[in-house]
Amino acid sequence: MNNQRVYFEKLSSKRTEALFVALTLLFALLFAWQARTALSSLCSLVFLTGFVAFLFYTLNYRVLVIRLDEENLRLKFGIFTWTVPLDNIESCAPDMTSLWRIGGAGIHFTSLGGRYRAMFNFLEHPRVVLALKTPKGPVRDIAFSTRNPGEVKRLIAQSPKFQSIVEIAEGKSPA
C-alpha cells in the first residue's frame, strides 16, 4: 500500500546523548582500571557489562523517528520499531506522567493506573499517550516524546482511520 506521509519528526537530545556517552566512558575506564589492577573478576564483568550496555544506549537511543501516515503511526528508536495502526487508537492525550515515574530516556515499559504502557521518550520533551483499542500483547498504552504534541494529536484525531473508530464507538455509522 502506498501510504503518504502525513507527519515526520526526528527527535534527539544532546543532554541524553551526553549522559550516555559519559556513562559509557566511565564504565570503560572502570573496566580498564579493574583489568590493570587484576582485582575481582566479578567486578571486571560488572564494569564490562555496564560499558557494553551504555555503549548500546549511546548508539541506539540517539534519535527517535516519528512517522505518521494514513494508516499507521511508527515509532523507531535505533533497531526497535513499534507500529500502531490508526484504527487501533482509542484515544490520544497529553502524557502528564511524572518524569520520576518514567525511569529515563529510551524505551521503557511500566504499569500505570492498571494499564501496561510502552514509552519511547526523551525526558526533556513533552509526550503524547495513545490508548489502544486492542492491546498489543500486554501493552494497552503507547507514550512517546514529540516537539509538537498538539500537532500530533490533531493529525491523529483528523485521520479517517481514527475517525471511523470514534464513530463506531459512538454508535454512528462510518461514512
Protein backbone atom coordinates (compact mmCIF):
# COMPACT_ATOMS: atom_id res chain seq x y z
CA MET A 1 0.00 0.00 0.00
CA ASN A 2 1.34 3.44 -0.91
CA ASN A 3 0.69 5.46 2.25
CA GLN A 4 1.54 9.11 2.06
CA ARG A 5 3.44 10.57 4.97
CA VAL A 6 1.29 12.95 6.99
CA TYR A 7 3.81 13.79 9.73
CA PHE A 8 7.51 13.13 10.22
CA GLU A 9 9.78 14.11 13.09
CA LYS A 10 13.31 13.20 14.13
CA LEU A 11 13.77 13.90 17.81
CA SER A 12 17.06 13.86 19.68
CA SER A 13 18.53 15.09 22.94
CA LYS A 14 22.04 16.44 23.44
CA ARG A 15 21.66 16.02 27.22
CA THR A 16 20.62 12.37 26.95
CA GLU A 17 23.40 11.67 24.48
CA ALA A 18 25.96 13.36 26.76
CA LEU A 19 24.75 11.32 29.75
CA PHE A 20 25.01 8.02 27.86
CA VAL A 21 28.48 8.91 26.48
CA ALA A 22 29.68 9.86 29.97
CA LEU A 23 28.39 6.60 31.45
CA THR A 24 29.96 4.61 28.59
CA LEU A 25 33.33 6.26 29.23
CA LEU A 26 33.01 5.82 33.00
CA PHE A 27 32.40 2.07 32.70
CA ALA A 28 35.17 1.73 30.08
CA LEU A 29 37.62 3.44 32.46
CA LEU A 30 36.46 1.35 35.42
CA PHE A 31 36.86 -1.82 33.38
CA ALA A 32 40.35 -0.79 32.23
CA TRP A 33 41.34 0.11 35.80
CA GLN A 34 39.92 -3.18 37.10
CA ALA A 35 41.77 -5.20 34.45
CA ARG A 36 45.02 -3.34 35.23
CA THR A 37 44.83 -3.93 38.98
CA ALA A 38 43.73 -7.56 38.50
CA LEU A 39 41.18 -7.42 41.29
CA SER A 40 37.99 -9.50 41.33
CA SER A 41 36.85 -10.91 38.00
CA LEU A 42 33.25 -10.32 39.13
CA CYS A 43 33.92 -6.56 39.27
CA SER A 44 35.52 -6.72 35.83
CA LEU A 45 32.43 -8.48 34.49
CA VAL A 46 30.14 -5.85 36.04
CA PHE A 47 32.18 -2.98 34.58
CA LEU A 48 32.39 -4.65 31.15
CA THR A 49 28.63 -5.26 31.18
CA GLY A 50 27.99 -1.60 32.11
CA PHE A 51 30.30 -0.43 29.33
CA VAL A 52 28.57 -2.62 26.70
CA ALA A 53 25.08 -1.63 27.89
CA PHE A 54 25.78 2.11 27.84
CA LEU A 55 27.59 1.85 24.50
CA PHE A 56 24.43 0.26 23.11
CA TYR A 57 22.29 3.02 24.67
CA THR A 58 24.59 5.68 23.22
CA LEU A 59 24.32 4.26 19.71
CA ASN A 60 20.70 3.09 19.73
CA TYR A 61 18.85 5.86 21.60
CA ARG A 62 20.25 8.88 19.74
CA VAL A 63 17.22 9.62 17.54
CA LEU A 64 13.52 8.87 17.89
CA VAL A 65 11.83 8.86 14.49
CA ILE A 66 8.08 9.51 14.45
CA ARG A 67 6.32 8.76 11.17
CA LEU A 68 2.56 9.17 10.76
CA ASP A 69 0.87 8.15 7.51
CA GLU A 70 -2.74 7.49 6.51
CA GLU A 71 -2.72 4.03 8.10
CA ASN A 72 -0.15 3.89 10.91
CA LEU A 73 1.97 5.66 13.46
CA ARG A 74 5.54 4.29 13.52
CA LEU A 75 7.99 4.96 16.32
CA LYS A 76 11.62 4.00 15.69
CA PHE A 77 14.42 4.14 18.23
CA GLY A 78 17.53 2.67 16.62
CA ILE A 79 16.89 -1.02 15.94
CA PHE A 80 13.48 -1.01 17.67
CA THR A 81 10.26 -0.11 15.83
CA TRP A 82 6.69 -0.02 17.12
CA THR A 83 3.79 0.36 14.69
CA VAL A 84 0.32 1.43 15.81
CA PRO A 85 -2.49 1.13 13.24
CA LEU A 86 -4.57 4.32 13.47
CA ASP A 87 -7.79 2.30 13.61
CA ASN A 88 -6.50 0.71 16.85
CA ILE A 89 -6.21 4.05 18.68
CA GLU A 90 -9.00 4.57 21.18
CA SER A 91 -7.82 7.97 22.43
CA CYS A 92 -4.92 10.39 22.20
CA ALA A 93 -3.97 12.78 25.00
CA PRO A 94 -1.02 14.65 26.51
CA ASP A 95 1.02 12.40 28.81
CA MET A 96 1.26 14.11 32.17
CA THR A 97 3.15 11.27 33.89
CA SER A 98 5.84 12.50 36.27
CA LEU A 99 9.40 12.30 34.99
CA TRP A 100 10.27 10.38 38.18
CA ARG A 101 7.81 7.65 37.16
CA ILE A 102 9.11 7.24 33.60
CA GLY A 103 12.51 5.86 34.54
CA GLY A 104 14.74 7.51 31.95
CA ALA A 105 15.25 8.13 28.27
CA GLY A 106 14.89 5.33 25.74
CA ILE A 107 12.25 2.63 25.68
CA HIS A 108 10.60 1.68 28.96
CA PHE A 109 7.64 -0.46 29.98
CA THR A 110 5.59 0.12 33.12
CA SER A 111 2.14 -0.28 34.60
CA LEU A 112 0.24 2.98 35.19
CA GLY A 113 -3.29 3.07 36.51
CA GLY A 114 -3.77 -0.64 35.87
CA ARG A 115 -2.72 -0.30 32.21
CA TYR A 116 0.61 -1.56 30.87
CA ARG A 117 2.43 1.13 28.88
CA ALA A 118 5.33 1.22 26.41
CA MET A 119 7.20 4.54 26.40
CA PHE A 120 9.55 5.88 23.71
CA ASN A 121 10.95 9.04 25.22
CA PHE A 122 13.48 11.70 25.97
CA LEU A 123 12.94 13.33 29.33
CA GLU A 124 13.06 16.99 28.27
CA HIS A 125 10.38 16.78 25.55
CA PRO A 126 6.60 16.66 26.07
CA ARG A 127 4.83 13.37 25.44
CA VAL A 128 1.62 12.07 23.92
CA VAL A 129 -0.09 8.89 25.13
CA LEU A 130 -2.28 6.69 22.94
CA ALA A 131 -4.78 4.27 24.46
CA LEU A 132 -5.10 1.19 22.27
CA LYS A 133 -8.45 -0.31 21.40
CA THR A 134 -6.93 -3.79 21.22
CA PRO A 135 -3.79 -4.37 23.31
CA LYS A 136 -0.58 -5.47 21.62
CA GLY A 137 0.44 -8.26 23.95
CA PRO A 138 0.15 -6.79 27.44
CA VAL A 139 0.63 -3.20 26.17
CA ARG A 140 -2.54 -1.10 26.33
CA ASP A 141 -0.96 2.38 26.01
CA ILE A 142 1.89 3.83 23.96
CA ALA A 143 3.54 7.09 25.06
CA PHE A 144 6.17 8.96 23.06
CA SER A 145 8.05 12.23 23.12
CA THR A 146 7.48 14.86 20.45
CA ARG A 147 8.26 18.54 19.97
CA ASN A 148 4.70 19.05 18.65
CA PRO A 149 2.19 17.19 20.86
CA GLY A 150 -0.72 19.40 19.75
CA GLU A 151 0.01 18.82 16.06
CA VAL A 152 0.40 15.05 16.53
CA LYS A 153 -2.89 14.88 18.47
CA ARG A 154 -4.66 16.99 15.81
CA LEU A 155 -3.39 14.84 12.92
CA ILE A 156 -4.37 11.60 14.63
CA ALA A 157 -7.81 12.99 15.52
CA GLN A 158 -8.35 14.13 11.90
CA SER A 159 -7.28 10.80 10.42
CA PRO A 160 -10.11 8.98 8.59
CA LYS A 161 -9.00 5.69 10.24
CA PHE A 162 -9.20 7.23 13.73
CA GLN A 163 -12.49 8.97 12.91
CA SER A 164 -14.14 5.72 11.78
CA ILE A 165 -13.26 4.02 15.06
CA VAL A 166 -14.56 7.01 17.06
CA GLU A 167 -17.82 7.00 15.08
CA ILE A 168 -18.31 3.27 15.64
CA ALA A 169 -17.66 3.71 19.38
CA GLU A 170 -20.28 6.50 19.46
CA GLY A 171 -22.80 4.26 17.69
CA LYS A 172 -22.63 6.15 14.40
CA SER A 173 -22.20 4.54 11.01
CA PRO A 174 -18.81 5.43 9.46
CA ALA A 175 -19.03 7.32 6.17
